[in-house]
Amino acid sequence: MLTEGSGDIKPSFGRVFSSRSMFFLWIATSVSQSGDYAFNVALMWYILATTNSVLLVEIAEISCLSDLILLPPHQPAIQAFLQGLL
């Protein structure tokens, strides 16, 4: 939050990436997400090659993505509520 008299300080991505730790965190997150995508593609290809069934590929895809569908990462309140029930 900017206050009166804070001058010309504006939030920017350049300032965020000027921090070495934040830069490496961003790179690591990008690499991790790329690996997740590559694993998902390889898994679906393997299921299709071994079973030759598009239906089984779709079932596997839905099961892999069900956590993103049911508990999106931008809803921590739902996650905390469900963890409290378990």
PDB file of N, CA and C in Angstrom:
ATOM      1  N   MET A   1       0.840  -1.159   0.000  1.00  0.00           N
ATOM      2  CA  MET A   1       0.000   0.000   0.000  1.00  0.00           C
ATOM      3  C   MET A   1       0.891   1.228   0.000  1.00  0.00           C
ATOM      4  N   LEU A   2       0.591   2.174  -0.854  1.00  0.00           N
ATOM      5  CA  LEU A   2       1.346   3.405  -0.929  1.00  0.00           C
ATOM      6  C   LEU A   2       0.718   4.440  -0.007  1.00  0.00           C
ATOM      7  N   THR A   3       1.551   5.181   0.680  1.00  0.00           N
ATOM      8  CA  THR A   3       1.058   6.210   1.579  1.00  0.00           C
ATOM      9  C   THR A   3       1.400   7.572   1.027  1.00  0.00           C
ATOM     10  N   GLU A   4       0.847   8.577   1.649  1.00  0.00           N
ATOM     11  CA  GLU A   4       1.155   9.955   1.253  1.00  0.00           C
ATOM     12  C   GLU A   4       2.642  10.209   1.448  1.00  0.00           C
ATOM     13  N   GLY A   5       3.238  10.841   0.497  1.00  0.00           N
ATOM     14  CA  GLY A   5       4.646  11.196   0.611  1.00  0.00           C
ATOM     15  C   GLY A   5       5.590  10.050   0.279  1.00  0.00           C
ATOM     16  N   SER A   6       5.081   8.993  -0.321  1.00  0.00           N
ATOM     17  CA  SER A   6       5.958   7.876  -0.667  1.00  0.00           C
ATOM     18  C   SER A   6       6.694   8.123  -1.975  1.00  0.00           C
ATOM     19  N   GLY A   7       6.423   9.232  -2.602  1.00  0.00           N
ATOM     20  CA  GLY A   7       7.147   9.583  -3.813  1.00  0.00           C
ATOM     21  C   GLY A   7       6.615   8.853  -5.020  1.00  0.00           C
ATOM     22  N   ASP A   8       7.530   8.544  -5.925  1.00  0.00           N
ATOM     23  CA  ASP A   8       7.162   7.901  -7.186  1.00  0.00           C
ATOM     24  C   ASP A   8       7.367   6.391  -7.135  1.00  0.00           C
ATOM     25  N   ILE A   9       7.305   5.789  -5.970  1.00  0.00           N
ATOM     26  CA  ILE A   9       7.487   4.355  -5.857  1.00  0.00           C
ATOM     27  C   ILE A   9       6.217   3.657  -6.317  1.00  0.00           C
ATOM     28  N   LYS A  10       6.371   2.847  -7.350  1.00  0.00           N
ATOM     29  CA  LYS A  10       5.240   2.106  -7.884  1.00  0.00           C
ATOM     30  C   LYS A  10       5.598   0.627  -7.892  1.00  0.00           C
ATOM     31  N   PRO A  11       4.612  -0.241  -7.682  1.00  0.00           N
ATOM     32  CA  PRO A  11       4.914  -1.664  -7.748  1.00  0.00           C
ATOM     33  C   PRO A  11       5.293  -2.063  -9.173  1.00  0.00           C
ATOM     34  N   SER A  12       6.294  -2.903  -9.298  1.00  0.00           N
ATOM     35  CA  SER A  12       6.713  -3.347 -10.622  1.00  0.00           C
ATOM     36  C   SER A  12       7.308  -4.744 -10.533  1.00  0.00           C
ATOM     37  N   PHE A  13       7.252  -5.456 -11.644  1.00  0.00           N
ATOM     38  CA  PHE A  13       7.835  -6.788 -11.682  1.00  0.00           C
ATOM     39  C   PHE A  13       9.358  -6.715 -11.675  1.00  0.00           C
ATOM     40  N   GLY A  14       9.911  -5.612 -12.165  1.00  0.00           N
ATOM     41  CA  GLY A  14      11.362  -5.462 -12.157  1.00  0.00           C
ATOM     42  C   GLY A  14      11.925  -5.471 -10.746  1.00  0.00           C
ATOM     43  N   ARG A  15      11.213  -4.841  -9.823  1.00  0.00           N
ATOM     44  CA  ARG A  15      11.676  -4.838  -8.433  1.00  0.00           C
ATOM     45  C   ARG A  15      11.546  -6.215  -7.802  1.00  0.00           C
ATOM     46  N   VAL A  16      10.513  -6.946  -8.183  1.00  0.00           N
ATOM     47  CA  VAL A  16      10.339  -8.293  -7.641  1.00  0.00           C
ATOM     48  C   VAL A  16      11.472  -9.191  -8.112  1.00  0.00           C
ATOM     49  N   PHE A  17      11.814  -9.129  -9.397  1.00  0.00           N
ATOM     50  CA  PHE A  17      12.857  -9.986  -9.940  1.00  0.00           C
ATOM     51  C   PHE A  17      14.262  -9.482  -9.620  1.00  0.00           C
ATOM     52  N   SER A  18      14.367  -8.313  -9.030  1.00  0.00           N
ATOM     53  CA  SER A  18      15.693  -7.860  -8.615  1.00  0.00           C
ATOM     54  C   SER A  18      16.165  -8.632  -7.389  1.00  0.00           C
ATOM     55  N   SER A  19      15.251  -9.239  -6.676  1.00  0.00           N
ATOM     56  CA  SER A  19      15.604 -10.110  -5.563  1.00  0.00           C
ATOM     57  C   SER A  19      16.040 -11.463  -6.124  1.00  0.00           C
ATOM     58  N   ARG A  20      17.242 -11.873  -5.775  1.00  0.00           N
ATOM     59  CA  ARG A  20      17.787 -13.120  -6.294  1.00  0.00           C
ATOM     60  C   ARG A  20      16.929 -14.316  -5.877  1.00  0.00           C
ATOM     61  N   SER A  21      16.482 -14.327  -4.636  1.00  0.00           N
ATOM     62  CA  SER A  21      15.669 -15.440  -4.147  1.00  0.00           C
ATOM     63  C   SER A  21      14.351 -15.537  -4.909  1.00  0.00           C
ATOM     64  N   MET A  22      13.706 -14.407  -5.140  1.00  0.00           N
ATOM     65  CA  MET A  22      12.437 -14.413  -5.859  1.00  0.00           C
ATOM     66  C   MET A  22      12.636 -14.843  -7.305  1.00  0.00           C
ATOM     67  N   PHE A  23      13.732 -14.431  -7.909  1.00  0.00           N
ATOM     68  CA  PHE A  23      14.025 -14.837  -9.286  1.00  0.00           C
ATOM     69  C   PHE A  23      14.185 -16.346  -9.373  1.00  0.00           C
ATOM     70  N   PHE A  24      14.958 -16.936  -8.453  1.00  0.00           N
ATOM     71  CA  PHE A  24      15.158 -18.384  -8.474  1.00  0.00           C
ATOM     72  C   PHE A  24      13.880 -19.146  -8.131  1.00  0.00           C
ATOM     73  N   LEU A  25      13.056 -18.584  -7.270  1.00  0.00           N
ATOM     74  CA  LEU A  25      11.769 -19.201  -6.967  1.00  0.00           C
ATOM     75  C   LEU A  25      10.888 -19.224  -8.210  1.00  0.00           C
ATOM     76  N   TRP A  26      10.882 -18.140  -8.966  1.00  0.00           N
ATOM     77  CA  TRP A  26      10.096 -18.062 -10.191  1.00  0.00           C
ATOM     78  C   TRP A  26      10.606 -19.067 -11.223  1.00  0.00           C
ATOM     79  N   ILE A  27      11.931 -19.168 -11.384  1.00  0.00           N
ATOM     80  CA  ILE A  27      12.522 -20.128 -12.329  1.00  0.00           C
ATOM     81  C   ILE A  27      12.182 -21.557 -11.917  1.00  0.00           C
ATOM     82  N   ALA A  28      12.319 -21.867 -10.621  1.00  0.00           N
ATOM     83  CA  ALA A  28      12.033 -23.222 -10.134  1.00  0.00           C
ATOM     84  C   ALA A  28      10.568 -23.584 -10.339  1.00  0.00           C
ATOM     85  N   THR A  29       9.675 -22.637 -10.117  1.00  0.00           N
ATOM     86  CA  THR A  29       8.253 -22.885 -10.336  1.00  0.00           C
ATOM     87  C   THR A  29       7.975 -23.153 -11.806  1.00  0.00           C
ATOM     88  N   SER A  30       8.603 -22.402 -12.689  1.00  0.00           N
ATOM     89  CA  SER A  30       8.416 -22.599 -14.128  1.00  0.00           C
ATOM     90  C   SER A  30       8.917 -23.972 -14.564  1.00  0.00           C
ATOM     91  N   VAL A  31      10.083 -24.365 -14.067  1.00  0.00           N
ATOM     92  CA  VAL A  31      10.639 -25.678 -14.411  1.00  0.00           C
ATOM     93  C   VAL A  31       9.741 -26.791 -13.875  1.00  0.00           C
ATOM     94  N   SER A  32       9.245 -26.628 -12.669  1.00  0.00           N
ATOM     95  CA  SER A  32       8.372 -27.644 -12.071  1.00  0.00           C
ATOM     96  C   SER A  32       7.082 -27.792 -12.862  1.00  0.00           C
ATOM     97  N   GLN A  33       6.481 -26.698 -13.257  1.00  0.00           N
ATOM     98  CA  GLN A  33       5.241 -26.768 -14.029  1.00  0.00           C
ATOM     99  C   GLN A  33       5.487 -27.367 -15.405  1.00  0.00           C
ATOM    100  N   SER A  34       6.629 -27.087 -16.007  1.00  0.00           N
ATOM    101  CA  SER A  34       6.969 -27.696 -17.297  1.00  0.00           C
ATOM    102  C   SER A  34       7.138 -29.200 -17.154  1.00  0.00           C
ATOM    103  N   GLY A  35       7.768 -29.633 -16.058  1.00  0.00           N
ATOM    104  CA  GLY A  35       7.933 -31.058 -15.806  1.00  0.00           C
ATOM    105  C   GLY A  35       6.605 -31.750 -15.575  1.00  0.00           C
ATOM    106  N   ASP A  36       5.699 -31.094 -14.865  1.00  0.00           N
ATOM    107  CA  ASP A  36       4.367 -31.657 -14.652  1.00  0.00           C
ATOM    108  C   ASP A  36       3.635 -31.847 -15.972  1.00  0.00           C
ATOM    109  N   TYR A  37       3.754 -30.861 -16.850  1.00  0.00           N
ATOM    110  CA  TYR A  37       3.108 -30.954 -18.156  1.00  0.00           C
ATOM    111  C   TYR A  37       3.713 -32.095 -18.976  1.00  0.00           C
ATOM    112  N   ALA A  38       5.044 -32.195 -18.983  1.00  0.00           N
ATOM    113  CA  ALA A  38       5.703 -33.264 -19.743  1.00  0.00           C
ATOM    114  C   ALA A  38       5.317 -34.640 -19.199  1.00  0.00           C
ATOM    115  N   PHE A  39       5.240 -34.778 -17.881  1.00  0.00           N
ATOM    116  CA  PHE A  39       4.826 -36.046 -17.281  1.00  0.00           C
ATOM    117  C   PHE A  39       3.400 -36.399 -17.692  1.00  0.00           C
ATOM    118  N   ASN A  40       2.516 -35.423 -17.686  1.00  0.00           N
ATOM    119  CA  ASN A  40       1.118 -35.661 -18.055  1.00  0.00           C
ATOM    120  C   ASN A  40       1.013 -36.112 -19.509  1.00  0.00           C
ATOM    121  N   VAL A  41       1.756 -35.482 -20.395  1.00  0.00           N
ATOM    122  CA  VAL A  41       1.737 -35.873 -21.807  1.00  0.00           C
ATOM    123  C   VAL A  41       2.283 -37.289 -21.970  1.00  0.00           C
ATOM    124  N   ALA A  42       3.391 -37.600 -21.287  1.00  0.00           N
ATOM    125  CA  ALA A  42       3.986 -38.937 -21.390  1.00  0.00           C
ATOM    126  C   ALA A  42       3.047 -40.000 -20.834  1.00  0.00           C
ATOM    127  N   LEU A  43       2.379 -39.695 -19.732  1.00  0.00           N
ATOM    128  CA  LEU A  43       1.447 -40.656 -19.145  1.00  0.00           C
ATOM    129  C   LEU A  43       0.284 -40.937 -20.087  1.00  0.00           C
ATOM    130  N   MET A  44      -0.279 -39.893 -20.676  1.00  0.00           N
ATOM    131  CA  MET A  44      -1.401 -40.090 -21.591  1.00  0.00           C
ATOM    132  C   MET A  44      -0.958 -40.858 -22.839  1.00  0.00           C
ATOM    133  N   TRP A  45       0.253 -40.568 -23.333  1.00  0.00           N
ATOM    134  CA  TRP A  45       0.764 -41.295 -24.489  1.00  0.00           C
ATOM    135  C   TRP A  45       0.959 -42.767 -24.146  1.00  0.00           C
ATOM    136  N   TYR A  46       1.486 -43.059 -22.954  1.00  0.00           N
ATOM    137  CA  TYR A  46       1.711 -44.433 -22.531  1.00  0.00           C
ATOM    138  C   TYR A  46       0.390 -45.194 -22.412  1.00  0.00           C
ATOM    139  N   ILE A  47      -0.604 -44.564 -21.825  1.00  0.00           N
ATOM    140  CA  ILE A  47      -1.906 -45.224 -21.683  1.00  0.00           C
ATOM    141  C   ILE A  47      -2.521 -45.491 -23.052  1.00  0.00           C
ATOM    142  N   LEU A  48      -2.414 -44.530 -23.958  1.00  0.00           N
ATOM    143  CA  LEU A  48      -2.957 -44.728 -25.300  1.00  0.00           C
ATOM    144  C   LEU A  48      -2.194 -45.817 -26.043  1.00  0.00           C
ATOM    145  N   ALA A  49      -0.873 -45.856 -25.903  1.00  0.00           N
ATOM    146  CA  ALA A  49      -0.069 -46.860 -26.607  1.00  0.00           C
ATOM    147  C   ALA A  49      -0.321 -48.261 -26.071  1.00  0.00           C
ATOM    148  N   THR A  50      -0.534 -48.397 -24.769  1.00  0.00           N
ATOM    149  CA  THR A  50      -0.709 -49.732 -24.206  1.00  0.00           C
ATOM    150  C   THR A  50      -2.142 -50.238 -24.302  1.00  0.00           C
ATOM    151  N   THR A  51      -3.125 -49.357 -24.217  1.00  0.00           N
ATOM    152  CA  THR A  51      -4.519 -49.809 -24.217  1.00  0.00           C
ATOM    153  C   THR A  51      -5.233 -49.543 -25.531  1.00  0.00           C
ATOM    154  N   ASN A  52      -4.742 -48.581 -26.302  1.00  0.00           N
ATOM    155  CA  ASN A  52      -5.375 -48.168 -27.559  1.00  0.00           C
ATOM    156  C   ASN A  52      -6.829 -47.756 -27.328  1.00  0.00           C
ATOM    157  N   SER A  53      -7.084 -47.141 -26.172  1.00  0.00           N
ATOM    158  CA  SER A  53      -8.435 -46.720 -25.823  1.00  0.00           C
ATOM    159  C   SER A  53      -8.421 -45.244 -25.437  1.00  0.00           C
ATOM    160  N   VAL A  54      -9.116 -44.445 -26.209  1.00  0.00           N
ATOM    161  CA  VAL A  54      -9.207 -43.020 -25.915  1.00  0.00           C
ATOM    162  C   VAL A  54     -10.029 -42.792 -24.650  1.00  0.00           C
ATOM    163  N   LEU A  55     -10.989 -43.657 -24.392  1.00  0.00           N
ATOM    164  CA  LEU A  55     -11.811 -43.539 -23.191  1.00  0.00           C
ATOM    165  C   LEU A  55     -10.958 -43.672 -21.932  1.00  0.00           C
ATOM    166  N   LEU A  56     -10.051 -44.643 -21.903  1.00  0.00           N
ATOM    167  CA  LEU A  56      -9.168 -44.796 -20.740  1.00  0.00           C
ATOM    168  C   LEU A  56      -8.213 -43.616 -20.592  1.00  0.00           C
ATOM    169  N   VAL A  57      -7.792 -43.050 -21.708  1.00  0.00           N
ATOM    170  CA  VAL A  57      -6.938 -41.854 -21.652  1.00  0.00           C
ATOM    171  C   VAL A  57      -7.697 -40.707 -21.010  1.00  0.00           C
ATOM    172  N   GLU A  58      -8.947 -40.516 -21.389  1.00  0.00           N
ATOM    173  CA  GLU A  58      -9.751 -39.437 -20.823  1.00  0.00           C
ATOM    174  C   GLU A  58     -10.045 -39.664 -19.348  1.00  0.00           C
ATOM    175  N   ILE A  59     -10.294 -40.903 -18.968  1.00  0.00           N
ATOM    176  CA  ILE A  59     -10.521 -41.197 -17.552  1.00  0.00           C
ATOM    177  C   ILE A  59      -9.266 -40.895 -16.740  1.00  0.00           C
ATOM    178  N   ALA A  60      -8.111 -41.268 -17.275  1.00  0.00           N
ATOM    179  CA  ALA A  60      -6.849 -40.983 -16.585  1.00  0.00           C
ATOM    180  C   ALA A  60      -6.601 -39.479 -16.511  1.00  0.00           C
ATOM    181  N   GLU A  61      -6.911 -38.766 -17.572  1.00  0.00           N
ATOM    182  CA  GLU A  61      -6.718 -37.315 -17.586  1.00  0.00           C
ATOM    183  C   GLU A  61      -7.613 -36.632 -16.555  1.00  0.00           C
ATOM    184  N   ILE A  62      -8.848 -37.058 -16.488  1.00  0.00           N
ATOM    185  CA  ILE A  62      -9.770 -36.480 -15.508  1.00  0.00           C
ATOM    186  C   ILE A  62      -9.309 -36.787 -14.094  1.00  0.00           C
ATOM    187  N   SER A  63      -8.821 -38.002 -13.870  1.00  0.00           N
ATOM    188  CA  SER A  63      -8.348 -38.336 -12.519  1.00  0.00           C
ATOM    189  C   SER A  63      -7.089 -37.558 -12.154  1.00  0.00           C
ATOM    190  N   CYS A  64      -6.235 -37.279 -13.132  1.00  0.00           N
ATOM    191  CA  CYS A  64      -5.028 -36.478 -12.853  1.00  0.00           C
ATOM    192  C   CYS A  64      -5.376 -35.025 -12.551  1.00  0.00           C
ATOM    193  N   LEU A  65      -6.419 -34.510 -13.187  1.00  0.00           N
ATOM    194  CA  LEU A  65      -6.782 -33.109 -13.025  1.00  0.00           C
ATOM    195  C   LEU A  65      -7.890 -32.882 -12.004  1.00  0.00           C
ATOM    196  N   SER A  66      -8.373 -33.943 -11.371  1.00  0.00           N
ATOM    197  CA  SER A  66      -9.505 -33.787 -10.465  1.00  0.00           C
ATOM    198  C   SER A  66      -9.179 -32.914  -9.260  1.00  0.00           C
ATOM    199  N   ASP A  67      -7.938 -32.951  -8.774  1.00  0.00           N
ATOM    200  CA  ASP A  67      -7.597 -32.078  -7.648  1.00  0.00           C
ATOM    201  C   ASP A  67      -7.629 -30.609  -8.050  1.00  0.00           C
ATOM    202  N   LEU A  68      -7.282 -30.299  -9.288  1.00  0.00           N
ATOM    203  CA  LEU A  68      -7.353 -28.908  -9.748  1.00  0.00           C
ATOM    204  C   LEU A  68      -8.790 -28.465  -9.967  1.00  0.00           C
ATOM    205  N   ILE A  69      -9.636 -29.407 -10.335  1.00  0.00           N
ATOM    206  CA  ILE A  69     -11.035 -29.073 -10.573  1.00  0.00           C
ATOM    207  C   ILE A  69     -11.779 -28.906  -9.250  1.00  0.00           C
ATOM    208  N   LEU A  70     -11.548 -29.832  -8.329  1.00  0.00           N
ATOM    209  CA  LEU A  70     -12.276 -29.807  -7.068  1.00  0.00           C
ATOM    210  C   LEU A  70     -11.710 -28.793  -6.076  1.00  0.00           C
ATOM    211  N   LEU A  71     -10.394 -28.660  -6.039  1.00  0.00           N
ATOM    212  CA  LEU A  71      -9.742 -27.745  -5.089  1.00  0.00           C
ATOM    213  C   LEU A  71      -8.767 -26.828  -5.822  1.00  0.00           C
ATOM    214  N   PRO A  72      -9.258 -25.804  -6.476  1.00  0.00           N
ATOM    215  CA  PRO A  72      -8.350 -24.894  -7.162  1.00  0.00           C
ATOM    216  C   PRO A  72      -7.402 -24.232  -6.172  1.00  0.00           C
ATOM    217  N   PRO A  73      -6.182 -23.954  -6.589  1.00  0.00           N
ATOM    218  CA  PRO A  73      -5.200 -23.389  -5.665  1.00  0.00           C
ATOM    219  C   PRO A  73      -5.553 -21.986  -5.171  1.00  0.00           C
ATOM    220  N   HIS A  74      -6.459 -21.302  -5.844  1.00  0.00           N
ATOM    221  CA  HIS A  74      -6.825 -19.960  -5.418  1.00  0.00           C
ATOM    222  C   HIS A  74      -7.953 -19.973  -4.390  1.00  0.00           C
ATOM    223  N   GLN A  75      -8.299 -21.145  -3.865  1.00  0.00           N
ATOM    224  CA  GLN A  75      -9.345 -21.222  -2.855  1.00  0.00           C
ATOM    225  C   GLN A  75      -8.809 -21.906  -1.593  1.00  0.00           C
ATOM    226  N   PRO A  76      -7.891 -21.261  -0.877  1.00  0.00           N
ATOM    227  CA  PRO A  76      -7.329 -21.893   0.316  1.00  0.00           C
ATOM    228  C   PRO A  76      -8.349 -22.085   1.433  1.00  0.00           C
ATOM    229  N   ALA A  77      -9.428 -21.317   1.431  1.00  0.00           N
ATOM    230  CA  ALA A  77     -10.440 -21.476   2.479  1.00  0.00           C
ATOM    231  C   ALA A  77     -11.120 -22.837   2.372  1.00  0.00           C
ATOM    232  N   ILE A  78     -11.403 -23.286   1.158  1.00  0.00           N
ATOM    233  CA  ILE A  78     -12.015 -24.598   0.969  1.00  0.00           C
ATOM    234  C   ILE A  78     -11.045 -25.694   1.384  1.00  0.00           C
ATOM    235  N   GLN A  79      -9.773 -25.533   1.038  1.00  0.00           N
ATOM    236  CA  GLN A  79      -8.768 -26.525   1.415  1.00  0.00           C
ATOM    237  C   GLN A  79      -8.645 -26.612   2.928  1.00  0.00           C
ATOM    238  N   ALA A  80      -8.625 -25.478   3.593  1.00  0.00           N
ATOM    239  CA  ALA A  80      -8.510 -25.484   5.058  1.00  0.00           C
ATOM    240  C   ALA A  80      -9.741 -26.113   5.694  1.00  0.00           C
ATOM    241  N   PHE A  81     -10.909 -25.853   5.119  1.00  0.00           N
ATOM    242  CA  PHE A  81     -12.137 -26.445   5.644  1.00  0.00           C
ATOM    243  C   PHE A  81     -12.115 -27.965   5.498  1.00  0.00           C
ATOM    244  N   LEU A  82     -11.710 -28.457   4.331  1.00  0.00           N
ATOM    245  CA  LEU A  82     -11.675 -29.899   4.115  1.00  0.00           C
ATOM    246  C   LEU A  82     -10.589 -30.572   4.959  1.00  0.00           C
ATOM    247  N   GLN A  83      -9.473 -29.899   5.170  1.00  0.00           N
ATOM    248  CA  GLN A  83      -8.429 -30.473   6.017  1.00  0.00           C
ATOM    249  C   GLN A  83      -8.894 -30.554   7.458  1.00  0.00           C
ATOM    250  N   GLY A  84      -9.736 -29.629   7.866  1.00  0.00           N
ATOM    251  CA  GLY A  84     -10.275 -29.667   9.224  1.00  0.00           C
ATOM    252  C   GLY A  84     -11.224 -30.829   9.418  1.00  0.00           C
ATOM    253  N   LEU A  85     -11.880 -31.273   8.338  1.00  0.00           N
ATOM    254  CA  LEU A  85     -12.807 -32.397   8.438  1.00  0.00           C
ATOM    255  C   LEU A  85     -12.090 -33.732   8.467  1.00  0.00           C
ATOM    256  N   LEU A  86     -10.899 -33.772   7.888  1.00  0.00           N
ATOM    257  CA  LEU A  86     -10.177 -35.055   7.807  1.00  0.00           C
ATOM    258  C   LEU A  86      -9.415 -35.368   9.057  1.00  0.00           C
TER     259      LEU A  86
END
